[in-house]
C-alpha atoms as a PDB file:
ATOM      1  CA  MET A   1     -77.163  26.052  45.109  1.00  0.00           C
ATOM      2  CA  GLY A   2     -74.239  27.731  43.339  1.00  0.00           C
ATOM      3  CA  ARG A   3     -73.411  26.238  39.876  1.00  0.00           C
ATOM      4  CA  GLN A   4     -69.894  24.859  40.608  1.00  0.00           C
ATOM      5  CA  TYR A   5     -69.339  23.725  37.001  1.00  0.00           C
ATOM      6  CA  ASP A   6     -69.444  27.308  35.768  1.00  0.00           C
ATOM      7  CA  ASN A   7     -66.461  28.080  37.988  1.00  0.00           C
ATOM      8  CA  LEU A   8     -63.908  25.248  37.084  1.00  0.00           C
ATOM      9  CA  ARG A   9     -60.692  26.288  35.747  1.00  0.00           C
ATOM     10  CA  LEU A  10     -59.838  24.073  32.896  1.00  0.00           C
ATOM     11  CA  GLU A  11     -56.214  23.427  31.860  1.00  0.00           C
ATOM     12  CA  LYS A  12     -53.979  20.914  29.923  1.00  0.00           C
ATOM     13  CA  GLY A  13     -52.610  19.629  33.295  1.00  0.00           C
ATOM     14  CA  MET A  14     -55.923  17.724  34.027  1.00  0.00           C
ATOM     15  CA  TYR A  15     -54.896  15.265  31.448  1.00  0.00           C
ATOM     16  CA  ARG A  16     -51.399  14.709  33.007  1.00  0.00           C
ATOM     17  CA  GLU A  17     -52.658  13.338  36.312  1.00  0.00           C
ATOM     18  CA  ALA A  18     -51.511   9.999  36.719  1.00  0.00           C
ATOM     19  CA  GLY A  19     -53.828   7.060  37.251  1.00  0.00           C
ATOM     20  CA  ARG A  20     -56.717   9.269  36.357  1.00  0.00           C
ATOM     21  CA  SER A  21     -58.366  10.185  33.088  1.00  0.00           C
ATOM     22  CA  PHE A  22     -59.616  13.776  32.360  1.00  0.00           C
ATOM     23  CA  ALA A  23     -63.200  12.864  32.954  1.00  0.00           C
ATOM     24  CA  GLN A  24     -62.379  11.529  36.382  1.00  0.00           C
ATOM     25  CA  VAL A  25     -60.310  14.575  37.350  1.00  0.00           C
ATOM     26  CA  LEU A  26     -63.523  16.686  36.319  1.00  0.00           C
ATOM     27  CA  GLU A  27     -65.753  14.371  38.069  1.00  0.00           C
ATOM     28  CA  GLN A  28     -63.735  14.959  41.416  1.00  0.00           C
ATOM     29  CA  GLU A  29     -63.759  18.702  40.961  1.00  0.00           C
ATOM     30  CA  ASP A  30     -67.429  18.788  40.341  1.00  0.00           C
ATOM     31  CA  PRO A  31     -69.119  15.648  41.712  1.00  0.00           C
ATOM     32  CA  SER A  32     -72.372  14.530  39.841  1.00  0.00           C
ATOM     33  CA  GLU A  33     -74.027  13.592  43.410  1.00  0.00           C
ATOM     34  CA  GLN A  34     -74.441  17.309  44.005  1.00  0.00           C
ATOM     35  CA  TYR A  35     -76.987  17.802  41.063  1.00  0.00           C
ATOM     36  CA  LYS A  36     -79.339  15.204  42.079  1.00  0.00           C
ATOM     37  CA  GLY A  37     -82.877  16.523  41.767  1.00  0.00           C
ATOM     38  CA  THR A  38     -81.840  19.555  39.662  1.00  0.00           C
ATOM     39  CA  ALA A  39     -82.177  19.845  35.799  1.00  0.00           C
ATOM     40  CA  LEU A  40     -78.538  18.805  35.474  1.00  0.00           C
ATOM     41  CA  GLU A  41     -79.157  15.257  36.979  1.00  0.00           C
ATOM     42  CA  GLY A  42     -78.089  12.600  34.546  1.00  0.00           C
ATOM     43  CA  LEU A  43     -75.247  14.614  33.082  1.00  0.00           C
ATOM     44  CA  ASP A  44     -71.625  13.826  34.028  1.00  0.00           C
ATOM     45  CA  ALA A  45     -68.976  16.336  34.825  1.00  0.00           C
ATOM     46  CA  TYR A  46     -67.744  16.582  31.318  1.00  0.00           C
ATOM     47  CA  GLN A  47     -71.227  16.931  29.781  1.00  0.00           C
ATOM     48  CA  ARG A  48     -71.787  19.943  32.273  1.00  0.00           C
ATOM     49  CA  GLN A  49     -68.744  21.558  30.777  1.00  0.00           C
ATOM     50  CA  LEU A  50     -70.309  21.343  27.316  1.00  0.00           C
ATOM     51  CA  LYS A  51     -73.334  22.962  28.566  1.00  0.00           C
ATOM     52  CA  ARG A  52     -71.387  25.715  30.222  1.00  0.00           C
ATOM     53  CA  PHE A  53     -69.654  26.592  26.965  1.00  0.00           C
ATOM     54  CA  ASP A  54     -73.000  25.936  25.017  1.00  0.00           C
ATOM     55  CA  ILE A  55     -71.204  23.267  22.764  1.00  0.00           C
ATOM     56  CA  LYS A  56     -73.638  20.984  21.007  1.00  0.00           C
ATOM     57  CA  VAL A  57     -72.038  17.656  19.713  1.00  0.00           C
ATOM     58  CA  LYS A  58     -74.884  15.684  18.379  1.00  0.00           C
ATOM     59  CA  GLY A  59     -78.014  16.198  16.358  1.00  0.00           C
ATOM     60  CA  PRO A  60     -78.650  18.429  13.195  1.00  0.00           C
ATOM     61  CA  ALA A  61     -78.093  21.544  15.330  1.00  0.00           C
ATOM     62  CA  SER A  62     -74.665  20.481  16.240  1.00  0.00           C
ATOM     63  CA  ASP A  63     -71.999  23.183  16.517  1.00  0.00           C
ATOM     64  CA  ALA A  64     -68.853  23.188  14.242  1.00  0.00           C
ATOM     65  CA  VAL A  65     -65.627  21.985  15.396  1.00  0.00           C
ATOM     66  CA  GLU A  66     -64.279  25.640  15.837  1.00  0.00           C
ATOM     67  CA  LYS A  67     -66.874  26.087  18.731  1.00  0.00           C
ATOM     68  CA  PHE A  68     -64.543  24.191  21.064  1.00  0.00           C
ATOM     69  CA  PHE A  69     -61.801  26.660  20.301  1.00  0.00           C
ATOM     70  CA  ALA A  70     -63.939  29.843  21.248  1.00  0.00           C
ATOM     71  CA  THR A  71     -61.896  30.209  24.398  1.00  0.00           C
ATOM     72  CA  SER A  72     -58.682  28.735  25.821  1.00  0.00           C
ATOM     73  CA  GLN A  73     -60.668  26.935  28.312  1.00  0.00           C
ATOM     74  CA  SER A  74     -63.264  25.278  26.151  1.00  0.00           C
ATOM     75  CA  ALA A  75     -60.299  24.063  23.879  1.00  0.00           C
ATOM     76  CA  VAL A  76     -59.291  21.827  26.697  1.00  0.00           C
ATOM     77  CA  LEU A  77     -62.565  19.767  26.233  1.00  0.00           C
ATOM     78  CA  PHE A  78     -61.650  18.997  22.709  1.00  0.00           C
ATOM     79  CA  PRO A  79     -59.360  15.916  23.296  1.00  0.00           C
ATOM     80  CA  GLU A  80     -61.995  14.388  25.515  1.00  0.00           C
ATOM     81  CA  TYR A  81     -64.613  14.774  22.728  1.00  0.00           C
ATOM     82  CA  ILE A  82     -62.146  12.855  20.633  1.00  0.00           C
ATOM     83  CA  ALA A  83     -61.624   9.988  22.792  1.00  0.00           C
ATOM     84  CA  ARG A  84     -65.490   9.818  23.624  1.00  0.00           C
ATOM     85  CA  SER A  85     -66.277   9.636  19.866  1.00  0.00           C
ATOM     86  CA  VAL A  86     -63.720   7.076  19.438  1.00  0.00           C
ATOM     87  CA  ARG A  87     -64.763   5.023  22.216  1.00  0.00           C
ATOM     88  CA  GLN A  88     -68.313   4.939  21.042  1.00  0.00           C
ATOM     89  CA  GLY A  89     -67.005   3.469  17.738  1.00  0.00           C
ATOM     90  CA  MET A  90     -65.041   0.770  19.702  1.00  0.00           C
ATOM     91  CA  GLU A  91     -68.257  -0.205  21.587  1.00  0.00           C
ATOM     92  CA  GLU A  92     -70.478  -0.555  18.353  1.00  0.00           C
ATOM     93  CA  SER A  93     -70.634  -4.084  17.235  1.00  0.00           C
ATOM     94  CA  ASN A  94     -67.860  -4.896  19.683  1.00  0.00           C
ATOM     95  CA  LEU A  95     -67.387  -8.776  19.828  1.00  0.00           C
ATOM     96  CA  LEU A  96     -64.932  -8.799  22.639  1.00  0.00           C
ATOM     97  CA  PRO A  97     -67.334  -8.890  25.487  1.00  0.00           C
ATOM     98  CA  GLY A  98     -68.801 -12.064  23.969  1.00  0.00           C
ATOM     99  CA  ILE A  99     -65.514 -13.886  24.155  1.00  0.00           C
ATOM    100  CA  THR A 100     -63.944 -12.568  27.266  1.00  0.00           C
ATOM    101  CA  ALA A 101     -64.555 -14.147  30.644  1.00  0.00           C
ATOM    102  CA  ALA A 102     -62.818 -11.295  32.680  1.00  0.00           C
ATOM    103  CA  VAL A 103     -61.221  -7.632  32.060  1.00  0.00           C
ATOM    104  CA  THR A 104     -58.248  -6.584  34.053  1.00  0.00           C
ATOM    105  CA  ARG A 105     -56.993  -3.092  34.139  1.00  0.00           C
ATOM    106  CA  PHE A 106     -53.318  -3.143  34.473  1.00  0.00           C
ATOM    107  CA  GLU A 107     -50.680  -0.168  34.089  1.00  0.00           C
ATOM    108  CA  GLY A 108     -47.626  -1.535  32.352  1.00  0.00           C
ATOM    109  CA  MET A 109     -46.901  -3.402  28.974  1.00  0.00           C
ATOM    110  CA  ASP A 110     -46.056  -6.912  30.468  1.00  0.00           C
ATOM    111  CA  TYR A 111     -48.537  -8.707  32.390  1.00  0.00           C
ATOM    112  CA  ARG A 112     -48.183 -12.152  34.164  1.00  0.00           C
ATOM    113  CA  SER A 113     -51.739 -14.082  34.410  1.00  0.00           C
ATOM    114  CA  ILE A 114     -52.605 -17.045  36.577  1.00  0.00           C
ATOM    115  CA  ALA A 115     -53.625 -20.449  35.573  1.00  0.00           C
ATOM    116  CA  SER A 116     -55.041 -23.662  36.939  1.00  0.00           C
ATOM    117  CA  VAL A 117     -54.050 -26.822  34.857  1.00  0.00           C
ATOM    118  CA  PRO A 118     -55.869 -29.649  36.415  1.00  0.00           C
ATOM    119  CA  GLN A 119     -54.959 -33.162  35.596  1.00  0.00           C
ATOM    120  CA  GLU A 120     -57.397 -35.795  34.706  1.00  0.00           C
ATOM    121  CA  LYS A 121     -57.589 -37.209  38.163  1.00  0.00           C
ATOM    122  CA  ASP A 122     -58.272 -33.792  39.577  1.00  0.00           C
ATOM    123  CA  LYS A 123     -61.377 -33.281  37.394  1.00  0.00           C
ATOM    124  CA  GLU A 124     -63.137 -36.344  38.881  1.00  0.00           C
ATOM    125  CA  LEU A 125     -65.747 -35.685  41.343  1.00  0.00           C
ATOM    126  CA  ARG A 126     -64.536 -38.204  44.067  1.00  0.00           C
ATOM    127  CA  HIS A 127     -66.198 -38.852  47.419  1.00  0.00           C
ATOM    128  CA  VAL A 128     -64.162 -37.579  50.236  1.00  0.00           C
ATOM    129  CA  ALA A 129     -64.199 -39.994  53.211  1.00  0.00           C
ATOM    130  CA  GLU A 130     -64.137 -38.800  56.757  1.00  0.00           C
ATOM    131  CA  GLY A 131     -60.356 -37.848  57.636  1.00  0.00           C
ATOM    132  CA  ALA A 132     -59.350 -38.229  53.932  1.00  0.00           C
ATOM    133  CA  GLU A 133     -57.473 -35.676  52.093  1.00  0.00           C
ATOM    134  CA  ILE A 134     -59.376 -33.219  50.173  1.00  0.00           C
ATOM    135  CA  PRO A 135     -58.625 -32.973  46.384  1.00  0.00           C
ATOM    136  CA  GLN A 136     -56.428 -29.933  45.507  1.00  0.00           C
ATOM    137  CA  THR A 137     -56.662 -27.247  42.791  1.00  0.00           C
ATOM    138  CA  GLU A 138     -53.372 -25.557  42.315  1.00  0.00           C
ATOM    139  CA  VAL A 139     -53.378 -21.960  41.017  1.00  0.00           C
ATOM    140  CA  ARG A 140     -50.060 -20.533  40.020  1.00  0.00           C
ATOM    141  CA  THR A 141     -48.728 -17.566  37.786  1.00  0.00           C
ATOM    142  CA  GLN A 142     -47.927 -18.390  34.251  1.00  0.00           C
ATOM    143  CA  GLU A 143     -44.337 -18.884  33.170  1.00  0.00           C
ATOM    144  CA  ASN A 144     -44.374 -16.504  30.419  1.00  0.00           C
ATOM    145  CA  LEU A 145     -45.531 -12.872  30.456  1.00  0.00           C
ATOM    146  CA  VAL A 146     -48.550 -11.673  28.418  1.00  0.00           C
ATOM    147  CA  ARG A 147     -47.568  -8.739  26.161  1.00  0.00           C
ATOM    148  CA  LEU A 148     -49.698  -5.842  25.837  1.00  0.00           C
ATOM    149  CA  HIS A 149     -49.854  -4.153  22.312  1.00  0.00           C
ATOM    150  CA  LYS A 150     -50.663  -0.334  21.490  1.00  0.00           C
ATOM    151  CA  ARG A 151     -53.239  -0.265  18.758  1.00  0.00           C
ATOM    152  CA  GLY A 152     -54.302   3.045  17.016  1.00  0.00           C
ATOM    153  CA  ARG A 153     -54.695   5.325  14.246  1.00  0.00           C
ATOM    154  CA  MET A 154     -53.034   8.652  13.236  1.00  0.00           C
ATOM    155  CA  LEU A 155     -55.718  11.665  12.757  1.00  0.00           C
ATOM    156  CA  VAL A 156     -54.299  13.594   9.996  1.00  0.00           C
ATOM    157  CA  ALA A 157     -56.128  16.858   9.288  1.00  0.00           C
ATOM    158  CA  SER A 158     -55.514  20.403   9.330  1.00  0.00           C
ATOM    159  CA  TYR A 159     -57.410  22.570  11.581  1.00  0.00           C
ATOM    160  CA  GLU A 160     -58.540  24.788   8.757  1.00  0.00           C
ATOM    161  CA  ALA A 161     -60.057  21.574   6.907  1.00  0.00           C
ATOM    162  CA  VAL A 162     -62.239  20.683   9.789  1.00  0.00           C
ATOM    163  CA  ARG A 163     -62.842  23.861  11.571  1.00  0.00           C
ATOM    164  CA  TYR A 164     -66.285  24.450   9.809  1.00  0.00           C
ATOM    165  CA  GLN A 165     -67.514  20.751   9.965  1.00  0.00           C
ATOM    166  CA  LYS A 166     -70.299  19.973  12.156  1.00  0.00           C
ATOM    167  CA  LEU A 167     -69.420  17.982  15.139  1.00  0.00           C
ATOM    168  CA  ASP A 168     -72.097  15.412  14.534  1.00  0.00           C
ATOM    169  CA  LEU A 169     -70.423  14.568  11.126  1.00  0.00           C
ATOM    170  CA  PHE A 170     -66.992  14.713  12.420  1.00  0.00           C
ATOM    171  CA  SER A 171     -68.031  12.162  15.201  1.00  0.00           C
ATOM    172  CA  VAL A 172     -68.816   9.734  12.314  1.00  0.00           C
ATOM    173  CA  THR A 173     -65.081   9.616  11.249  1.00  0.00           C
ATOM    174  CA  LEU A 174     -63.953   9.251  14.820  1.00  0.00           C
ATOM    175  CA  ARG A 175     -66.283   6.398  15.455  1.00  0.00           C
ATOM    176  CA  GLN A 176     -64.795   4.901  12.395  1.00  0.00           C
ATOM    177  CA  ILE A 177     -61.277   5.149  13.919  1.00  0.00           C
ATOM    178  CA  GLY A 178     -62.737   3.564  16.988  1.00  0.00           C
ATOM    179  CA  ALA A 179     -64.094   0.698  14.891  1.00  0.00           C
ATOM    180  CA  HIS A 180     -60.715   0.018  13.441  1.00  0.00           C
ATOM    181  CA  ILE A 181     -58.815   0.120  16.613  1.00  0.00           C
ATOM    182  CA  ASN A 182     -61.240  -2.343  18.041  1.00  0.00           C
ATOM    183  CA  ARG A 183     -60.834  -4.730  14.916  1.00  0.00           C
ATOM    184  CA  MET A 184     -57.166  -4.714  15.797  1.00  0.00           C
ATOM    185  CA  HIS A 185     -57.747  -5.880  19.461  1.00  0.00           C
ATOM    186  CA  LEU A 186     -60.092  -8.492  18.170  1.00  0.00           C
ATOM    187  CA  GLU A 187     -57.546  -9.722  15.881  1.00  0.00           C
ATOM    188  CA  ASP A 188     -55.018 -10.081  18.848  1.00  0.00           C
ATOM    189  CA  ALA A 189     -57.785 -11.822  20.800  1.00  0.00           C
ATOM    190  CA  ILE A 190     -58.332 -14.300  17.963  1.00  0.00           C
ATOM    191  CA  ASP A 191     -54.433 -14.870  17.643  1.00  0.00           C
ATOM    192  CA  VAL A 192     -54.367 -15.802  21.470  1.00  0.00           C
ATOM    193  CA  LEU A 193     -57.422 -18.205  21.221  1.00  0.00           C
ATOM    194  CA  LEU A 194     -55.733 -19.951  18.247  1.00  0.00           C
ATOM    195  CA  HIS A 195     -51.945 -20.045  19.269  1.00  0.00           C
ATOM    196  CA  GLY A 196     -52.286 -19.295  22.818  1.00  0.00           C
ATOM    197  CA  ASP A 197     -50.314 -16.336  24.755  1.00  0.00           C
ATOM    198  CA  GLY A 198     -46.955 -17.836  24.795  1.00  0.00           C
ATOM    199  CA  ASN A 199     -47.463 -20.361  27.565  1.00  0.00           C
ATOM    200  CA  ASP A 200     -47.760 -23.597  25.752  1.00  0.00           C
ATOM    201  CA  ASN A 201     -51.598 -23.266  25.489  1.00  0.00           C
ATOM    202  CA  PRO A 202     -52.879 -23.199  21.904  1.00  0.00           C
ATOM    203  CA  ALA A 203     -56.444 -24.286  21.136  1.00  0.00           C
ATOM    204  CA  GLN A 204     -56.921 -27.907  20.372  1.00  0.00           C
ATOM    205  CA  SER A 205     -57.549 -28.247  16.625  1.00  0.00           C
ATOM    206  CA  PHE A 206     -60.012 -30.394  14.800  1.00  0.00           C
ATOM    207  CA  ALA A 207     -60.910 -30.716  11.155  1.00  0.00           C
ATOM    208  CA  VAL A 208     -64.207 -31.770   9.254  1.00  0.00           C
ATOM    209  CA  GLY A 209     -63.506 -35.214   7.927  1.00  0.00           C
ATOM    210  CA  THR A 210     -60.943 -36.192  10.398  1.00  0.00           C
ATOM    211  CA  SER A 211     -61.811 -38.259  13.442  1.00  0.00           C
ATOM    212  CA  PRO A 212     -63.471 -37.449  15.909  1.00  0.00           C
ATOM    213  CA  ILE A 213     -65.452 -34.976  13.535  1.00  0.00           C
ATOM    214  CA  GLY A 214     -67.304 -36.767  10.845  1.00  0.00           C
ATOM    215  CA  GLY A 215     -68.409 -35.332   7.366  1.00  0.00           C
ATOM    216  CA  SER A 216     -66.272 -34.504   4.324  1.00  0.00           C
ATOM    217  CA  LYS A 217     -63.589 -31.832   4.051  1.00  0.00           C
ATOM    218  CA  GLY A 218     -64.957 -28.719   2.614  1.00  0.00           C
ATOM    219  CA  ALA A 219     -68.422 -29.129   3.777  1.00  0.00           C
ATOM    220  CA  LEU A 220     -70.292 -28.610   6.859  1.00  0.00           C
ATOM    221  CA  THR A 221     -73.349 -30.502   8.321  1.00  0.00           C
ATOM    222  CA  TYR A 222     -75.257 -30.367  11.490  1.00  0.00           C
ATOM    223  CA  ASN A 223     -73.853 -33.645  12.531  1.00  0.00           C
ATOM    224  CA  ASP A 224     -70.130 -32.097  12.210  1.00  0.00           C
ATOM    225  CA  LEU A 225     -71.193 -29.338  14.778  1.00  0.00           C
ATOM    226  CA  VAL A 226     -72.613 -31.854  17.197  1.00  0.00           C
ATOM    227  CA  ASP A 227     -69.308 -33.928  16.930  1.00  0.00           C
ATOM    228  CA  PHE A 228     -67.440 -30.544  17.608  1.00  0.00           C
ATOM    229  CA  TRP A 229     -69.947 -29.701  20.523  1.00  0.00           C
ATOM    230  CA  ALA A 230     -68.990 -33.104  22.188  1.00  0.00           C
ATOM    231  CA  GLN A 231     -65.581 -32.259  22.524  1.00  0.00           C
ATOM    232  CA  PHE A 232     -65.855 -29.662  25.005  1.00  0.00           C
ATOM    233  CA  ASP A 233     -66.768 -31.654  28.271  1.00  0.00           C
ATOM    234  CA  PRO A 234     -66.472 -30.475  30.968  1.00  0.00           C
ATOM    235  CA  TYR A 235     -66.718 -27.089  29.442  1.00  0.00           C
ATOM    236  CA  GLU A 236     -69.852 -25.692  27.688  1.00  0.00           C
ATOM    237  CA  MET A 237     -69.662 -24.546  24.033  1.00  0.00           C
ATOM    238  CA  ASN A 238     -71.722 -21.462  24.507  1.00  0.00           C
ATOM    239  CA  THR A 239     -70.117 -19.234  21.932  1.00  0.00           C
ATOM    240  CA  LEU A 240     -69.127 -19.949  18.243  1.00  0.00           C
ATOM    241  CA  LEU A 241     -66.836 -17.297  16.723  1.00  0.00           C
ATOM    242  CA  VAL A 242     -67.041 -17.931  12.852  1.00  0.00           C
ATOM    243  CA  SER A 243     -65.555 -16.615   9.449  1.00  0.00           C
ATOM    244  CA  SER A 244     -68.125 -15.098   7.132  1.00  0.00           C
ATOM    245  CA  ASP A 245     -68.082 -18.004   4.596  1.00  0.00           C
ATOM    246  CA  VAL A 246     -68.773 -20.477   7.398  1.00  0.00           C
ATOM    247  CA  MET A 247     -71.626 -18.353   8.613  1.00  0.00           C
ATOM    248  CA  LEU A 248     -72.998 -18.845   5.180  1.00  0.00           C
ATOM    249  CA  LYS A 249     -72.731 -22.377   5.370  1.00  0.00           C
ATOM    250  CA  MET A 250     -74.209 -22.564   8.751  1.00  0.00           C
ATOM    251  CA  LEU A 251     -77.375 -20.410   7.795  1.00  0.00           C
ATOM    252  CA  LYS A 252     -77.995 -22.811   4.957  1.00  0.00           C
ATOM    253  CA  LEU A 253     -78.240 -25.879   7.064  1.00  0.00           C
ATOM    254  CA  GLU A 254     -81.786 -27.018   7.546  1.00  0.00           C
ATOM    255  CA  GLU A 255     -81.556 -27.134  11.323  1.00  0.00           C
ATOM    256  CA  PHE A 256     -80.618 -23.380  11.352  1.00  0.00           C
ATOM    257  CA  GLN A 257     -83.929 -22.549   9.537  1.00  0.00           C
ATOM    258  CA  ASN A 258     -85.996 -23.518  12.294  1.00  0.00           C
ATOM    259  CA  PRO A 259     -88.874 -20.781  12.799  1.00  0.00           C
ATOM    260  CA  LEU A 260     -87.823 -19.959  16.353  1.00  0.00           C
ATOM    261  CA  THR A 261     -84.196 -19.327  15.435  1.00  0.00           C
ATOM    262  CA  GLY A 262     -85.427 -17.063  12.570  1.00  0.00           C
ATOM    263  CA  LEU A 263     -87.997 -15.393  14.724  1.00  0.00           C
ATOM    264  CA  ASN A 264     -85.272 -14.707  17.463  1.00  0.00           C
ATOM    265  CA  PHE A 265     -82.864 -13.318  14.740  1.00  0.00           C
ATOM    266  CA  GLN A 266     -85.488 -10.883  13.223  1.00  0.00           C
ATOM    267  CA  GLY A 267     -86.604  -9.669  16.429  1.00  0.00           C
ATOM    268  CA  THR A 268     -83.125  -9.246  18.229  1.00  0.00           C
ATOM    269  CA  GLY A 269     -80.695  -9.358  15.376  1.00  0.00           C
ATOM    270  CA  LYS A 270     -78.803 -12.031  17.459  1.00  0.00           C
ATOM    271  CA  LEU A 271     -78.126 -15.605  16.147  1.00  0.00           C
ATOM    272  CA  VAL A 272     -78.270 -18.423  18.482  1.00  0.00           C
ATOM    273  CA  SER A 273     -77.524 -21.944  17.047  1.00  0.00           C
ATOM    274  CA  PRO A 274     -79.595 -24.915  17.700  1.00  0.00           C
ATOM    275  CA  LEU A 275     -76.995 -26.082  19.946  1.00  0.00           C
ATOM    276  CA  GLY A 276     -77.553 -22.938  22.086  1.00  0.00           C
ATOM    277  CA  ALA A 277     -74.197 -21.269  21.338  1.00  0.00           C
ATOM    278  CA  ASN A 278     -74.203 -17.605  20.258  1.00  0.00           C
ATOM    279  CA  LEU A 279     -73.024 -17.159  16.720  1.00  0.00           C
ATOM    280  CA  LEU A 280     -70.444 -14.222  16.296  1.00  0.00           C
ATOM    281  CA  ARG A 281     -69.410 -13.709  12.868  1.00  0.00           C
ATOM    282  CA  THR A 282     -66.015 -11.674  12.006  1.00  0.00           C
ATOM    283  CA  SER A 283     -63.886 -11.138   8.808  1.00  0.00           C
ATOM    284  CA  ALA A 284     -60.900 -10.995  11.314  1.00  0.00           C
ATOM    285  CA  LEU A 285     -61.134 -14.784  11.416  1.00  0.00           C
ATOM    286  CA  GLU A 286     -59.455 -16.795   8.722  1.00  0.00           C
ATOM    287  CA  SER A 287     -61.762 -18.501   6.225  1.00  0.00           C
ATOM    288  CA  GLY A 288     -62.942 -21.975   6.712  1.00  0.00           C
ATOM    289  CA  HIS A 289     -62.648 -21.642  10.514  1.00  0.00           C
ATOM    290  CA  ILE A 290     -64.862 -21.969  13.752  1.00  0.00           C
ATOM    291  CA  ILE A 291     -63.694 -21.129  17.145  1.00  0.00           C
ATOM    292  CA  GLY A 292     -65.863 -22.783  19.882  1.00  0.00           C
ATOM    293  CA  LEU A 293     -65.444 -21.555  23.404  1.00  0.00           C
ATOM    294  CA  ASP A 294     -66.752 -21.269  26.679  1.00  0.00           C
ATOM    295  CA  LYS A 295     -66.681 -17.633  27.147  1.00  0.00           C
ATOM    296  CA  ASN A 296     -66.879 -17.878  30.852  1.00  0.00           C
ATOM    297  CA  TYR A 297     -63.500 -19.571  31.096  1.00  0.00           C
ATOM    298  CA  ALA A 298     -61.388 -19.148  27.988  1.00  0.00           C
ATOM    299  CA  LEU A 299     -59.910 -15.580  27.713  1.00  0.00           C
ATOM    300  CA  GLU A 300     -59.036 -12.664  29.830  1.00  0.00           C
ATOM    301  CA  MET A 301     -58.826  -9.089  28.249  1.00  0.00           C
ATOM    302  CA  VAL A 302     -56.039  -6.990  29.918  1.00  0.00           C
ATOM    303  CA  GLN A 303     -56.408  -3.233  29.401  1.00  0.00           C
ATOM    304  CA  GLY A 304     -53.352  -1.202  29.866  1.00  0.00           C
ATOM    305  CA  SER A 305     -55.048   2.034  28.946  1.00  0.00           C
ATOM    306  CA  ASP A 306     -58.377   3.383  27.709  1.00  0.00           C
ATOM    307  CA  VAL A 307     -58.478   5.636  24.470  1.00  0.00           C
ATOM    308  CA  MET A 308     -55.470   8.098  24.724  1.00  0.00           C
ATOM    309  CA  VAL A 309     -55.102  11.045  22.434  1.00  0.00           C
ATOM    310  CA  GLU A 310     -52.275  13.416  21.987  1.00  0.00           C
ATOM    311  CA  TYR A 311     -54.056  16.234  23.924  1.00  0.00           C
ATOM    312  CA  ASP A 312     -51.311  18.967  23.450  1.00  0.00           C
ATOM    313  CA  LYS A 313     -51.591  18.917  19.588  1.00  0.00           C
ATOM    314  CA  LEU A 314     -55.289  18.784  19.713  1.00  0.00           C
ATOM    315  CA  ILE A 315     -55.733  21.661  22.169  1.00  0.00           C
ATOM    316  CA  ASP A 316     -53.231  23.722  20.225  1.00  0.00           C
ATOM    317  CA  ARG A 317     -55.057  23.095  17.016  1.00  0.00           C
ATOM    318  CA  GLN A 318     -52.169  21.032  15.582  1.00  0.00           C
ATOM    319  CA  LEU A 319     -54.212  18.282  14.073  1.00  0.00           C
ATOM    320  CA  GLU A 320     -51.701  17.436  11.404  1.00  0.00           C
ATOM    321  CA  ARG A 321     -50.788  14.153  13.068  1.00  0.00           C
ATOM    322  CA  ALA A 322     -52.484  13.396  16.218  1.00  0.00           C
ATOM    323  CA  ALA A 323     -52.201   9.840  17.585  1.00  0.00           C
ATOM    324  CA  ILE A 324     -55.148   8.070  19.038  1.00  0.00           C
ATOM    325  CA  THR A 325     -54.326   4.695  20.729  1.00  0.00           C
ATOM    326  CA  SER A 326     -55.573   1.990  23.049  1.00  0.00           C
ATOM    327  CA  ILE A 327     -53.517  -0.744  24.727  1.00  0.00           C
ATOM    328  CA  SER A 328     -54.799  -4.038  25.472  1.00  0.00           C
ATOM    329  CA  GLY A 329     -53.475  -7.636  25.528  1.00  0.00           C
ATOM    330  CA  PHE A 330     -55.185 -11.045  26.056  1.00  0.00           C
ATOM    331  CA  ALA A 331     -54.293 -14.111  28.360  1.00  0.00           C
ATOM    332  CA  LYS A 332     -55.496 -17.725  27.829  1.00  0.00           C
ATOM    333  CA  LEU A 333     -57.272 -18.672  31.129  1.00  0.00           C
ATOM    334  CA  PHE A 334     -58.048 -22.558  30.570  1.00  0.00           C
ATOM    335  CA  ALA A 335     -56.762 -23.973  27.305  1.00  0.00           C
ATOM    336  CA  GLY A 336     -59.538 -26.620  27.046  1.00  0.00           C
ATOM    337  CA  ALA A 337     -62.353 -23.875  27.104  1.00  0.00           C
ATOM    338  CA  ALA A 338     -61.521 -22.833  23.490  1.00  0.00           C
ATOM    339  CA  LYS A 339     -61.081 -25.294  20.506  1.00  0.00           C
ATOM    340  CA  VAL A 340     -60.853 -24.539  16.525  1.00  0.00           C
ATOM    341  CA  LEU A 341     -62.652 -26.439  13.979  1.00  0.00           C
ATOM    342  CA  THR A 342     -61.371 -26.295  10.201  1.00  0.00           C
ATOM    343  CA  VAL A 343     -64.190 -26.853   7.544  1.00  0.00           C
END
């Protein structure tokens, strides 16, 4: 079999195709399916191009940045390397999958979600007699649009400053940029959970020491958490998003020192509360706050774009100010599926 990946003509225009990323364009030109049963099985089209130009991006034997610019064609691969490294940083310690019920891809900046807002009588499981009307669930579009936000960082560096840097080390900086961008998206998600998406759907708020939550303001007990848990019917409080100071209070509770809880934390690094909810700590949440949610019904993530880079500047080695951005927004699905507790 001929090695098709060796004969591809790489050019800037591959980044401009509407509705498709550079990696998708490569994959169409050089499908991975044709490499099944060969030594190149398991590599995607972009990774095969790295192999073609003998560019090593990982490990102690990784090449310097300038290796991408050995030829005009290999330089075209550099923006995709930037995007993949940033995306990897966004995926590390990413809390968004733990709090979103659905992810929607949408091209544009204004998105209109759907909603079902049942009345109390609609929530009842009533017997339907023969010939009687079946209870209805109305699904409609939201009145107000959900705005998507562009979040990003500017990569500021001269080519001369980075050309001799190893790609493995340079990737660390790019992953940090990804972590910063993901933190911005998480802050947007928390804002929507707390205040709603503009459709009159903020989270119901409770406070320790104020009915129906017992206890004393400023303190936190297991009984207070049980009182908070009881407010979620008919939803399930399966996730707790907490600030760092509240996490410390919770870990000091006797109930959280159960040997099985500790054993699970030591084995997996994941904390599960005695109430069965996953504990997610973030400094993006204001101190003294807990967001409880049913992750299956609370939040929709709307992705306007994946990681985008200014490919022209990067390919032409004009790194002085190259923007790296990502567009996302969030829509509240069922208002009752997320509630906030102030300690």
